[in-house]
Amino acid sequence: MKWDGFRGLISLDAGRVTLRSRRGTQMAPTFPEVGSGAVQLPDATALDGVM
């Protein structure tokens, strides 16, 4: 288990949410709650943070 969090990049473009790691690995299956919450963001949004 990783206790210090995971760095993630999330983007929303034309209603499509993309959640990736720094290396480009898809993280949406691991963090479905983040992806489902991101649909509330304005279009053309990009965020970088720790989950």
C-alpha atoms as a PDB file:
ATOM      1  CA  MET A   1       0.000   0.000   0.000  1.00  0.00           C
ATOM      2  CA  LYS A   2       1.262   3.455  -0.897  1.00  0.00           C
ATOM      3  CA  TRP A   3       0.522   5.849   1.997  1.00  0.00           C
ATOM      4  CA  ASP A   4       1.766   9.155   0.622  1.00  0.00           C
ATOM      5  CA  GLY A   5      -0.713   9.406  -2.253  1.00  0.00           C
ATOM      6  CA  PHE A   6      -0.596   9.113  -6.028  1.00  0.00           C
ATOM      7  CA  ARG A   7       0.181  11.963  -8.405  1.00  0.00           C
ATOM      8  CA  GLY A   8      -2.550  12.279 -10.991  1.00  0.00           C
ATOM      9  CA  LEU A   9      -3.327  14.413 -14.000  1.00  0.00           C
ATOM     10  CA  ILE A  10      -6.971  14.863 -14.853  1.00  0.00           C
ATOM     11  CA  SER A  11      -8.401  16.603 -17.890  1.00  0.00           C
ATOM     12  CA  LEU A  12     -11.879  17.216 -19.176  1.00  0.00           C
ATOM     13  CA  ASP A  13     -12.299  17.901 -22.865  1.00  0.00           C
ATOM     14  CA  ALA A  14     -15.654  17.857 -24.670  1.00  0.00           C
ATOM     15  CA  GLY A  15     -17.186  15.911 -21.783  1.00  0.00           C
ATOM     16  CA  ARG A  16     -14.478  13.223 -21.860  1.00  0.00           C
ATOM     17  CA  VAL A  17     -12.586  12.724 -18.586  1.00  0.00           C
ATOM     18  CA  THR A  18      -8.993  11.460 -18.673  1.00  0.00           C
ATOM     19  CA  LEU A  19      -7.163  10.481 -15.490  1.00  0.00           C
ATOM     20  CA  ARG A  20      -3.508   9.487 -15.865  1.00  0.00           C
ATOM     21  CA  SER A  21      -0.370   9.062 -13.814  1.00  0.00           C
ATOM     22  CA  ARG A  22       2.826  11.041 -14.453  1.00  0.00           C
ATOM     23  CA  ARG A  23       3.958   8.221 -16.729  1.00  0.00           C
ATOM     24  CA  GLY A  24       0.701   8.144 -18.693  1.00  0.00           C
ATOM     25  CA  THR A  25      -0.864   5.068 -17.088  1.00  0.00           C
ATOM     26  CA  GLN A  26      -4.670   5.149 -17.001  1.00  0.00           C
ATOM     27  CA  MET A  27      -5.817   5.650 -13.405  1.00  0.00           C
ATOM     28  CA  ALA A  28      -9.578   5.940 -13.903  1.00  0.00           C
ATOM     29  CA  PRO A  29     -10.241   2.257 -13.075  1.00  0.00           C
ATOM     30  CA  THR A  30      -8.341   2.657  -9.794  1.00  0.00           C
ATOM     31  CA  PHE A  31     -10.031   5.923  -8.788  1.00  0.00           C
ATOM     32  CA  PRO A  32     -13.553   5.857 -10.307  1.00  0.00           C
ATOM     33  CA  GLU A  33     -14.830   8.412  -7.775  1.00  0.00           C
ATOM     34  CA  VAL A  34     -12.350  11.006  -9.050  1.00  0.00           C
ATOM     35  CA  GLY A  35     -13.426  10.482 -12.647  1.00  0.00           C
ATOM     36  CA  SER A  36     -17.118  10.641 -11.821  1.00  0.00           C
ATOM     37  CA  GLY A  37     -16.624  13.850  -9.809  1.00  0.00           C
ATOM     38  CA  ALA A  38     -14.628  15.468 -12.607  1.00  0.00           C
ATOM     39  CA  VAL A  39     -17.641  15.646 -14.908  1.00  0.00           C
ATOM     40  CA  GLN A  40     -18.782  18.613 -12.816  1.00  0.00           C
ATOM     41  CA  LEU A  41     -15.738  20.648 -13.903  1.00  0.00           C
ATOM     42  CA  PRO A  42     -15.934  23.143 -16.764  1.00  0.00           C
ATOM     43  CA  ASP A  43     -14.907  21.904 -20.194  1.00  0.00           C
ATOM     44  CA  ALA A  44     -11.221  22.291 -21.139  1.00  0.00           C
ATOM     45  CA  THR A  45     -10.095  21.880 -17.518  1.00  0.00           C
ATOM     46  CA  ALA A  46      -6.769  20.294 -16.561  1.00  0.00           C
ATOM     47  CA  LEU A  47      -5.687  19.566 -12.980  1.00  0.00           C
ATOM     48  CA  ASP A  48      -2.504  18.132 -11.499  1.00  0.00           C
ATOM     49  CA  GLY A  49      -2.469  16.902  -7.924  1.00  0.00           C
ATOM     50  CA  VAL A  50      -2.116  14.138  -5.374  1.00  0.00           C
ATOM     51  CA  MET A  51      -4.931  11.702  -4.703  1.00  0.00           C
END
